[in-house]
């Protein structure tokens, strides 16, 4: 297994705005950006480490014509935004690049792709894991339909490379690409790979992972540790000075169970932060309840905060997570791998409560692996201890030095150059490597 060491890389990225989804056939970056190479640095611990290639120009990729790239995303924000981050970087590195996003119609991913100005191809897809027999039958029917449609589109678009970001929505497009003889790459953000990627990993030409632990589940010769691609709007926050909470303003806490939400956090955190308020006067809270919860959930959770005297705002879904991260001093979160990767980049201290209902309890593995690298506090739902957590959170928010130490430790997992590292591997494949 090859490892890529990521570091702070100063780069410029172009945003693709005001592009007509109906009429545009290519997404052209407004300016170029440096792009990583793929050469290896000397081995360390018996494993070769690839350079992130900071400072290279797009020609170092050997891009001789507009790339035609398909990126399959969807199912959740964690399976969507890393793919859009890669699209953003590919558009900047290859000028022009024709990028097509595959995902479910009328979904989080279709809306996110539209906001980013990317062409989007809707396919049928639904979950299979933990579904009853009718649900599994529907998932198989949708997989077949998604495969057929994706194959026809890829053939018509003359796609060269397909990249999948896990989740059931990526299965059809990646299998379709494989059936056409195209190069395929998958990315896995968790230390314990999901079902879709475990299957696709047997077929993909390259497997990019965020955690070394995930590499043990895939063929070593085709696996590379790259980190998780992060959107530029979030990476920009890492370039700005972040100030610890102090006497000049109230401390701020962001609570999120990811795009789908966590019923456990929605139920338990208001009381916890009521306890924190006793030690941290003026505490402010922003709480994302999740799309999977009912439409009245934000009001219910807000009432819980109000009853405890906590100044709070609630929403089912926060579209502008970069602004939420900029605002916050501390985060209480489930162990979504993409969220944790983003928190590492921006340096936000966090209390992690892995979601017990997550498939195969994979968030437990993610929380444990992330904590081992960053020192971040975490606990399983059945180990919930509001008194202890309240004391721990208050100690971070009241002491600038403690907050700074926690912020610096969490940055140990930051890989702002992850998208460029994935692109380097994609280009190596397309160039015959």
Protein backbone atom coordinates (compact mmCIF):
# COMPACT_ATOMS: atom_id res chain seq x y z
CA UNK A 1 0.00 0.00 0.00
CA UNK A 2 1.27 3.43 -0.96
CA UNK A 3 0.85 6.40 1.35
CA UNK A 4 0.65 10.02 0.36
CA UNK A 5 1.76 12.49 2.96
CA UNK A 6 -0.33 15.64 2.85
CA UNK A 7 0.66 19.04 4.11
CA UNK A 8 -0.32 22.65 3.98
CA UNK A 9 -0.29 23.58 0.31
CA UNK A 10 -0.90 27.10 -0.94
CA UNK A 11 -2.99 26.78 -4.10
CA UNK A 12 -5.49 28.77 -6.11
CA UNK A 13 -8.73 27.20 -7.20
CA UNK A 14 -11.26 28.48 -9.70
CA UNK A 15 -14.94 28.30 -8.91
CA UNK A 16 -17.29 27.32 -11.71
CA UNK A 17 -20.21 29.70 -11.46
CA UNK A 18 -23.08 30.78 -13.68
CA UNK A 19 -22.88 27.68 -15.88
CA UNK A 20 -26.03 26.55 -17.64
CA UNK A 21 -26.69 22.94 -16.73
CA UNK A 22 -28.76 22.48 -19.88
CA UNK A 23 -26.43 24.12 -22.35
CA UNK A 24 -22.92 23.81 -20.98
CA UNK A 25 -20.87 20.91 -22.27
CA UNK A 26 -17.72 21.72 -20.39
CA UNK A 27 -16.75 23.28 -17.10
CA UNK A 28 -13.79 25.54 -17.60
CA UNK A 29 -11.73 26.94 -14.76
CA UNK A 30 -11.31 30.69 -14.82
CA UNK A 31 -7.68 30.38 -13.86
CA UNK A 32 -5.18 27.60 -13.49
CA UNK A 33 -3.92 26.05 -10.29
CA UNK A 34 -0.85 24.16 -9.27
CA UNK A 35 -1.24 20.42 -9.51
CA UNK A 36 0.53 17.56 -7.78
CA UNK A 37 2.84 15.10 -9.37
CA UNK A 38 2.91 11.40 -8.60
CA UNK A 39 6.51 10.66 -7.90
CA UNK A 40 7.49 8.86 -4.72
CA UNK A 41 9.60 10.13 -1.89
CA UNK A 42 11.98 7.81 -0.02
CA UNK A 43 10.28 4.94 1.81
CA UNK A 44 9.43 5.31 5.47
CA UNK A 45 8.52 2.37 7.70
CA UNK A 46 8.77 0.10 4.66
CA UNK A 47 6.01 1.98 2.84
CA UNK A 48 6.55 4.37 -0.05
CA UNK A 49 5.17 7.89 0.27
CA UNK A 50 4.07 9.96 -2.72
CA UNK A 51 4.68 13.68 -3.03
CA UNK A 52 1.75 16.07 -3.13
CA UNK A 53 3.59 17.94 -5.88
CA UNK A 54 2.99 21.45 -4.61
CA UNK A 55 3.90 24.11 -7.12
CA UNK A 56 3.46 22.04 -10.28
CA UNK A 57 1.39 23.27 -13.18
CA UNK A 58 -1.35 21.36 -15.03
CA UNK A 59 1.13 20.24 -17.70
CA UNK A 60 2.78 18.00 -15.12
CA UNK A 61 -0.31 15.80 -15.32
CA UNK A 62 0.25 15.24 -19.03
CA UNK A 63 -3.29 16.45 -19.83
CA UNK A 64 -3.22 16.74 -23.62
CA UNK A 65 -6.96 17.23 -24.22
CA UNK A 66 -10.06 18.07 -22.20
CA UNK A 67 -10.59 15.35 -19.65
CA UNK A 68 -14.00 13.65 -19.58
CA UNK A 69 -14.55 12.65 -15.96
CA UNK A 70 -17.56 11.03 -14.30
CA UNK A 71 -17.90 11.37 -10.53
CA UNK A 72 -20.50 9.23 -8.71
CA UNK A 73 -21.76 10.60 -5.40
CA UNK A 74 -24.80 10.54 -3.16
CA UNK A 75 -26.75 8.98 -0.35
CA UNK A 76 -25.49 11.46 2.23
CA UNK A 77 -23.40 14.62 2.45
CA UNK A 78 -20.40 12.49 3.41
CA UNK A 79 -20.67 10.61 0.12
CA UNK A 80 -21.32 13.80 -1.85
CA UNK A 81 -19.12 16.72 -0.87
CA UNK A 82 -15.74 14.95 -1.25
CA UNK A 83 -16.78 14.19 -4.84
CA UNK A 84 -17.72 17.80 -5.49
CA UNK A 85 -14.43 18.90 -3.92
CA UNK A 86 -12.63 16.66 -6.39
CA UNK A 87 -14.68 18.09 -9.27
CA UNK A 88 -13.77 21.60 -8.17
CA UNK A 89 -10.07 20.74 -8.15
CA UNK A 90 -10.18 18.79 -11.42
CA UNK A 91 -11.83 21.74 -13.15
CA UNK A 92 -8.99 23.94 -11.90
CA UNK A 93 -6.22 21.51 -12.79
CA UNK A 94 -7.42 20.55 -16.27
CA UNK A 95 -8.49 23.51 -18.39
CA UNK A 96 -11.06 22.77 -19.69
CA UNK A 97 -12.38 19.64 -17.95
CA UNK A 98 -15.70 18.03 -18.82
CA UNK A 99 -17.09 16.80 -15.53
CA UNK A 100 -20.35 14.91 -15.12
CA UNK A 101 -21.80 14.17 -11.68
CA UNK A 102 -23.92 11.03 -11.21
CA UNK A 103 -26.39 10.70 -8.33
CA UNK A 104 -30.02 10.35 -7.39
CA UNK A 105 -32.58 12.71 -8.84
CA UNK A 106 -34.17 15.36 -6.59
CA UNK A 107 -31.61 14.73 -3.88
CA UNK A 108 -29.01 16.43 -1.75
CA UNK A 109 -26.38 15.63 -4.38
CA UNK A 110 -28.43 16.96 -7.30
CA UNK A 111 -29.01 20.23 -5.47
CA UNK A 112 -25.36 20.54 -4.45
CA UNK A 113 -24.18 19.84 -8.00
CA UNK A 114 -26.58 22.45 -9.35
CA UNK A 115 -25.32 25.05 -6.89
CA UNK A 116 -21.78 24.30 -7.99
CA UNK A 117 -22.64 24.65 -11.69
CA UNK A 118 -21.90 21.03 -12.61
CA UNK A 119 -23.77 18.93 -15.12
CA UNK A 120 -25.72 16.23 -13.34
CA UNK A 121 -27.03 12.86 -14.50
CA UNK A 122 -29.81 11.40 -12.36
CA UNK A 123 -29.91 7.64 -11.92
CA UNK A 124 -32.02 5.24 -9.89
CA UNK A 125 -30.44 4.10 -6.62
CA UNK A 126 -31.62 3.01 -3.18
CA UNK A 127 -30.01 1.35 -0.13
CA UNK A 128 -29.82 -2.41 0.29
CA UNK A 129 -28.05 -2.90 3.61
CA UNK A 130 -30.43 -3.52 6.55
CA UNK A 131 -33.45 -3.41 4.23
CA UNK A 132 -36.18 -6.03 4.32
CA UNK A 133 -36.78 -8.27 1.30
CA UNK A 134 -38.96 -5.72 -0.59
CA UNK A 135 -36.33 -3.04 0.01
CA UNK A 136 -33.53 -5.31 -1.18
CA UNK A 137 -35.54 -6.21 -4.29
CA UNK A 138 -36.07 -2.52 -5.02
CA UNK A 139 -32.38 -1.85 -4.50
CA UNK A 140 -31.44 -4.53 -7.02
CA UNK A 141 -33.96 -3.20 -9.54
CA UNK A 142 -32.62 0.33 -9.09
CA UNK A 143 -29.04 -0.89 -9.37
CA UNK A 144 -29.87 -2.50 -12.71
CA UNK A 145 -31.66 0.60 -13.96
CA UNK A 146 -28.88 2.86 -12.72
CA UNK A 147 -26.27 0.67 -14.40
CA UNK A 148 -28.07 0.72 -17.76
CA UNK A 149 -28.64 4.47 -17.72
CA UNK A 150 -25.13 5.31 -16.53
CA UNK A 151 -23.60 3.05 -19.17
CA UNK A 152 -25.55 4.73 -21.97
CA UNK A 153 -24.64 8.21 -20.74
CA UNK A 154 -20.95 7.41 -20.27
CA UNK A 155 -20.75 5.93 -23.74
CA UNK A 156 -22.46 8.94 -25.31
CA UNK A 157 -20.29 11.37 -23.32
CA UNK A 158 -17.09 9.45 -24.14
CA UNK A 159 -16.13 9.36 -20.47
CA UNK A 160 -12.52 8.37 -19.81
CA UNK A 161 -12.51 7.86 -16.04
CA UNK A 162 -15.15 7.19 -13.39
CA UNK A 163 -14.60 7.98 -9.72
CA UNK A 164 -16.92 6.76 -6.97
CA UNK A 165 -17.20 8.03 -3.42
CA UNK A 166 -18.91 5.11 -1.75
CA UNK A 167 -22.56 4.78 -0.88
CA UNK A 168 -25.14 2.86 -2.83
CA UNK A 169 -25.54 5.62 -5.44
CA UNK A 170 -22.04 5.04 -6.80
CA UNK A 171 -22.45 1.33 -7.50
CA UNK A 172 -24.34 1.58 -10.82
CA UNK A 173 -22.06 4.17 -12.45
CA UNK A 174 -18.84 2.43 -11.39
CA UNK A 175 -20.03 -0.96 -12.61
CA UNK A 176 -21.15 0.67 -15.85
CA UNK A 177 -17.73 2.26 -16.32
CA UNK A 178 -16.05 -1.06 -15.69
CA UNK A 179 -18.27 -2.78 -18.27
CA UNK A 180 -17.13 -0.18 -20.83
CA UNK A 181 -13.49 -0.86 -20.07
CA UNK A 182 -12.95 2.59 -18.52
CA UNK A 183 -10.48 3.40 -15.80
CA UNK A 184 -12.11 3.42 -12.37
CA UNK A 185 -11.14 4.87 -9.00
CA UNK A 186 -12.96 4.69 -5.68
CA UNK A 187 -12.46 6.75 -2.55
CA UNK A 188 -13.14 5.54 0.99
CA UNK A 189 -13.27 8.10 3.81
CA UNK A 190 -13.79 5.67 6.69
CA UNK A 191 -11.33 3.27 8.31
CA UNK A 192 -13.98 0.53 7.91
CA UNK A 193 -15.07 0.50 4.23
CA UNK A 194 -18.76 0.32 3.39
CA UNK A 195 -20.43 -2.48 1.45
CA UNK A 196 -20.38 -0.69 -1.91
CA UNK A 197 -16.68 0.09 -1.77
CA UNK A 198 -15.79 -3.36 -0.47
CA UNK A 199 -17.39 -4.78 -3.62
CA UNK A 200 -16.08 -2.15 -6.02
CA UNK A 201 -12.60 -2.40 -4.51
CA UNK A 202 -12.23 -5.80 -6.16
CA UNK A 203 -12.70 -4.19 -9.57
CA UNK A 204 -11.34 -0.64 -9.33
CA UNK A 205 -7.98 0.28 -10.83
CA UNK A 206 -7.09 2.44 -7.84
CA UNK A 207 -8.48 2.73 -4.32
CA UNK A 208 -7.86 5.99 -2.46
CA UNK A 209 -8.41 5.96 1.29
CA UNK A 210 -8.32 8.47 4.14
CA UNK A 211 -7.24 6.01 6.86
CA UNK A 212 -4.50 3.41 6.62
CA UNK A 213 -6.81 0.97 8.39
CA UNK A 214 -9.09 0.94 5.33
CA UNK A 215 -6.18 -0.08 3.13
CA UNK A 216 -6.11 -3.48 4.83
CA UNK A 217 -9.43 -4.27 3.18
CA UNK A 218 -8.20 -3.65 -0.36
CA UNK A 219 -5.42 -5.01 -2.64
CA UNK A 220 -2.23 -3.28 -1.36
CA UNK A 221 -0.76 -2.69 -4.82
CA UNK A 222 -3.79 -0.66 -5.90
CA UNK A 223 -4.40 1.24 -2.65
CA UNK A 224 -3.10 4.68 -1.73
CA UNK A 225 -3.68 6.86 1.35
CA UNK A 226 -4.63 10.31 0.12
CA UNK A 227 -6.89 11.84 2.76
CA UNK A 228 -10.42 13.05 2.03
CA UNK A 229 -10.99 15.81 -0.57
CA UNK A 230 -12.28 18.97 1.08
CA UNK A 231 -14.11 21.86 -0.58
CA UNK A 232 -12.07 24.99 -1.17
CA UNK A 233 -14.52 27.17 0.77
CA UNK A 234 -13.61 25.15 3.86
CA UNK A 235 -9.89 24.98 3.09
CA UNK A 236 -9.91 28.77 2.92
CA UNK A 237 -10.82 28.84 6.60
CA UNK A 238 -7.55 27.10 7.43
CA UNK A 239 -5.65 30.02 5.90
CA UNK A 240 -7.33 32.50 8.22
CA UNK A 241 -6.39 33.04 11.84
CA UNK A 242 -8.88 31.38 14.18
CA UNK A 243 -9.31 33.03 17.55
CA UNK A 244 -10.13 31.23 20.77
CA UNK A 245 -13.26 32.29 22.65
CA UNK A 246 -12.57 34.98 25.21
CA UNK A 247 -13.96 37.85 27.22
CA UNK A 248 -14.73 39.86 24.06
CA UNK A 249 -17.55 37.53 22.91
CA UNK A 250 -19.65 34.52 23.84
CA UNK A 251 -18.45 30.98 23.24
CA UNK A 252 -20.17 29.20 20.34
CA UNK A 253 -20.95 25.52 19.86
CA UNK A 254 -22.04 23.80 16.64
CA UNK A 255 -24.02 20.57 17.02
CA UNK A 256 -24.42 18.30 14.00
CA UNK A 257 -25.44 14.74 13.32
CA UNK A 258 -24.51 15.13 9.67
CA UNK A 259 -26.91 15.75 6.82
CA UNK A 260 -29.23 12.96 7.97
CA UNK A 261 -29.10 13.97 11.63
CA UNK A 262 -28.79 12.15 14.93
CA UNK A 263 -31.90 11.57 17.04
CA UNK A 264 -29.59 10.83 19.95
CA UNK A 265 -27.84 14.22 19.78
CA UNK A 266 -31.15 15.99 19.23
CA UNK A 267 -32.51 14.42 22.42
CA UNK A 268 -29.46 14.64 24.69
CA UNK A 269 -27.39 17.70 23.77
CA UNK A 270 -29.79 20.46 24.93
CA UNK A 271 -29.54 19.21 28.52
CA UNK A 272 -25.77 18.83 28.20
CA UNK A 273 -25.35 22.40 27.00
CA UNK A 274 -27.67 23.62 29.71
CA UNK A 275 -25.04 22.28 32.11
CA UNK A 276 -22.23 23.92 30.15
CA UNK A 277 -24.08 27.24 30.34
CA UNK A 278 -23.67 27.19 34.12
CA UNK A 279 -19.89 27.47 33.67
CA UNK A 280 -19.82 29.36 30.36
CA UNK A 281 -22.28 32.29 30.59
CA UNK A 282 -23.67 33.62 27.31
CA UNK A 283 -23.10 30.33 25.46
CA UNK A 284 -24.52 30.30 21.91
CA UNK A 285 -25.53 27.19 19.96
CA UNK A 286 -26.22 26.31 16.33
CA UNK A 287 -27.84 22.86 15.99
CA UNK A 288 -28.43 20.94 12.74
CA UNK A 289 -31.15 18.39 13.43
CA UNK A 290 -30.87 16.54 10.09
CA UNK A 291 -32.92 15.85 6.98
CA UNK A 292 -33.97 12.42 8.23
CA UNK A 293 -35.82 13.94 11.19
CA UNK A 294 -39.35 15.31 10.94
CA UNK A 295 -40.12 18.87 9.82
CA UNK A 296 -41.01 19.83 13.40
CA UNK A 297 -37.74 18.59 14.89
CA UNK A 298 -35.92 21.97 14.74
CA UNK A 299 -38.75 23.59 16.71
CA UNK A 300 -38.82 20.77 19.26
CA UNK A 301 -35.07 20.93 19.82
CA UNK A 302 -35.14 24.72 20.01
CA UNK A 303 -37.80 24.52 22.73
CA UNK A 304 -35.49 22.21 24.71
CA UNK A 305 -32.72 24.80 24.56
CA UNK A 306 -35.04 27.67 25.37
CA UNK A 307 -36.36 25.86 28.42
CA UNK A 308 -32.80 25.67 29.74
CA UNK A 309 -31.95 29.28 29.03
CA UNK A 310 -29.54 28.48 26.18
CA UNK A 311 -29.42 30.92 23.27
CA UNK A 312 -29.76 28.62 20.25
CA UNK A 313 -30.63 28.42 16.57
CA UNK A 314 -31.79 25.19 14.94
CA UNK A 315 -32.19 23.98 11.35
CA UNK A 316 -32.83 20.68 9.64
CA UNK A 317 -29.91 21.22 7.28
CA UNK A 318 -27.12 23.80 7.02
CA UNK A 319 -26.13 24.40 3.41
CA UNK A 320 -23.24 26.71 4.32
CA UNK A 321 -21.10 24.54 6.57
CA UNK A 322 -18.08 26.74 5.93
CA UNK A 323 -19.89 29.63 7.63
CA UNK A 324 -20.98 27.34 10.48
CA UNK A 325 -17.37 26.26 11.03
CA UNK A 326 -16.17 29.86 10.86
CA UNK A 327 -18.72 30.83 13.51
CA UNK A 328 -18.08 27.95 15.92
CA UNK A 329 -15.49 27.50 18.68
CA UNK A 330 -16.36 23.89 19.48
CA UNK A 331 -18.33 21.10 17.80
CA UNK A 332 -20.40 18.20 19.07
CA UNK A 333 -20.73 15.75 16.21
CA UNK A 334 -21.34 12.22 15.13
CA UNK A 335 -18.36 10.43 13.60
CA UNK A 336 -19.04 11.13 9.94
CA UNK A 337 -15.65 10.78 8.27
CA UNK A 338 -16.06 13.79 5.98
CA UNK A 339 -17.17 16.03 8.84
CA UNK A 340 -14.15 14.99 10.91
CA UNK A 341 -11.82 15.61 7.97
CA UNK A 342 -13.30 19.10 7.60
CA UNK A 343 -12.94 19.81 11.32
CA UNK A 344 -9.29 18.78 11.14
CA UNK A 345 -8.65 21.23 8.31
CA UNK A 346 -10.27 24.15 10.14
CA UNK A 347 -8.86 23.15 13.54
CA UNK A 348 -12.10 22.96 15.54
CA UNK A 349 -12.06 21.02 18.85
CA UNK A 350 -14.78 18.39 18.91
CA UNK A 351 -16.64 15.93 21.11
CA UNK A 352 -17.48 12.91 18.95
CA UNK A 353 -20.50 10.69 19.62
CA UNK A 354 -20.57 7.96 16.94
CA UNK A 355 -24.05 7.14 15.70
CA UNK A 356 -24.97 3.67 16.92
CA UNK A 357 -27.52 3.25 14.13
CA UNK A 358 -24.90 3.71 11.41
CA UNK A 359 -24.37 0.70 9.15
CA UNK A 360 -22.17 -1.95 10.78
CA UNK A 361 -21.49 0.55 13.57
CA UNK A 362 -18.74 1.94 11.32
CA UNK A 363 -18.77 5.33 13.04
CA UNK A 364 -17.35 3.68 16.15
CA UNK A 365 -14.25 2.68 14.16
CA UNK A 366 -14.01 6.17 12.64
CA UNK A 367 -14.22 7.90 16.03
CA UNK A 368 -11.60 5.63 17.53
CA UNK A 369 -9.17 6.03 14.62
CA UNK A 370 -9.64 9.81 14.47
CA UNK A 371 -9.17 10.18 18.23
CA UNK A 372 -5.99 8.12 18.13
CA UNK A 373 -4.51 10.63 15.66
CA UNK A 374 -5.85 13.86 17.17
CA UNK A 375 -6.61 13.28 20.83
CA UNK A 376 -10.22 14.33 20.23
CA UNK A 377 -12.68 13.21 22.92
CA UNK A 378 -15.26 10.61 21.98
CA UNK A 379 -17.72 8.27 23.62
CA UNK A 380 -20.30 5.73 22.52
CA UNK A 381 -23.97 6.59 22.96
CA UNK A 382 -24.33 4.08 25.79
CA UNK A 383 -21.45 5.81 27.62
CA UNK A 384 -23.17 9.22 27.57
CA UNK A 385 -22.12 11.19 30.67
CA UNK A 386 -23.45 14.76 30.58
CA UNK A 387 -21.77 15.84 33.81
CA UNK A 388 -18.33 14.76 32.62
CA UNK A 389 -18.80 16.08 29.09
CA UNK A 390 -20.04 19.43 30.39
CA UNK A 391 -16.94 19.80 32.55
CA UNK A 392 -14.66 18.86 29.65
CA UNK A 393 -16.32 21.26 27.20
CA UNK A 394 -16.30 24.10 29.72
CA UNK A 395 -12.57 23.58 30.40
CA UNK A 396 -11.82 23.99 26.68
CA UNK A 397 -14.02 27.04 26.20
CA UNK A 398 -12.85 28.90 29.32
CA UNK A 399 -9.11 28.47 28.83
CA UNK A 400 -7.49 29.92 25.71
CA UNK A 401 -4.38 27.75 26.01
CA UNK A 402 -6.42 24.56 26.38
CA UNK A 403 -8.51 25.54 23.34
CA UNK A 404 -5.42 26.28 21.23
CA UNK A 405 -3.80 22.97 22.21
CA UNK A 406 -6.94 21.06 21.22
CA UNK A 407 -7.17 22.99 17.95
CA UNK A 408 -3.55 22.23 17.08
CA UNK A 409 -3.91 18.53 17.91
CA UNK A 410 -6.92 18.07 15.67
CA UNK A 411 -4.99 19.62 12.79
CA UNK A 412 -2.70 16.55 12.92
CA UNK A 413 -5.22 14.79 10.68
CA UNK A 414 -5.64 17.66 8.22
CA UNK A 415 -4.83 16.89 4.59
CA UNK A 416 -5.80 20.01 2.61
CA UNK A 417 -4.05 18.60 -0.47
CA UNK A 418 -6.11 15.39 -0.54
CA UNK A 419 -8.07 16.28 -3.69
CA UNK A 420 -4.89 17.00 -5.60
CA UNK A 421 -3.40 13.70 -4.40
CA UNK A 422 -6.44 11.81 -5.74
CA UNK A 423 -6.19 13.68 -9.05
CA UNK A 424 -2.52 12.76 -9.32
CA UNK A 425 -3.45 9.06 -9.11
CA UNK A 426 -6.27 9.50 -11.61
CA UNK A 427 -3.96 11.18 -14.09
CA UNK A 428 -1.32 8.50 -13.62
CA UNK A 429 -3.93 5.90 -14.59
CA UNK A 430 -5.05 7.86 -17.65
CA UNK A 431 -1.44 8.31 -18.70
CA UNK A 432 -0.78 4.59 -18.52
CA UNK A 433 0.60 4.41 -14.99
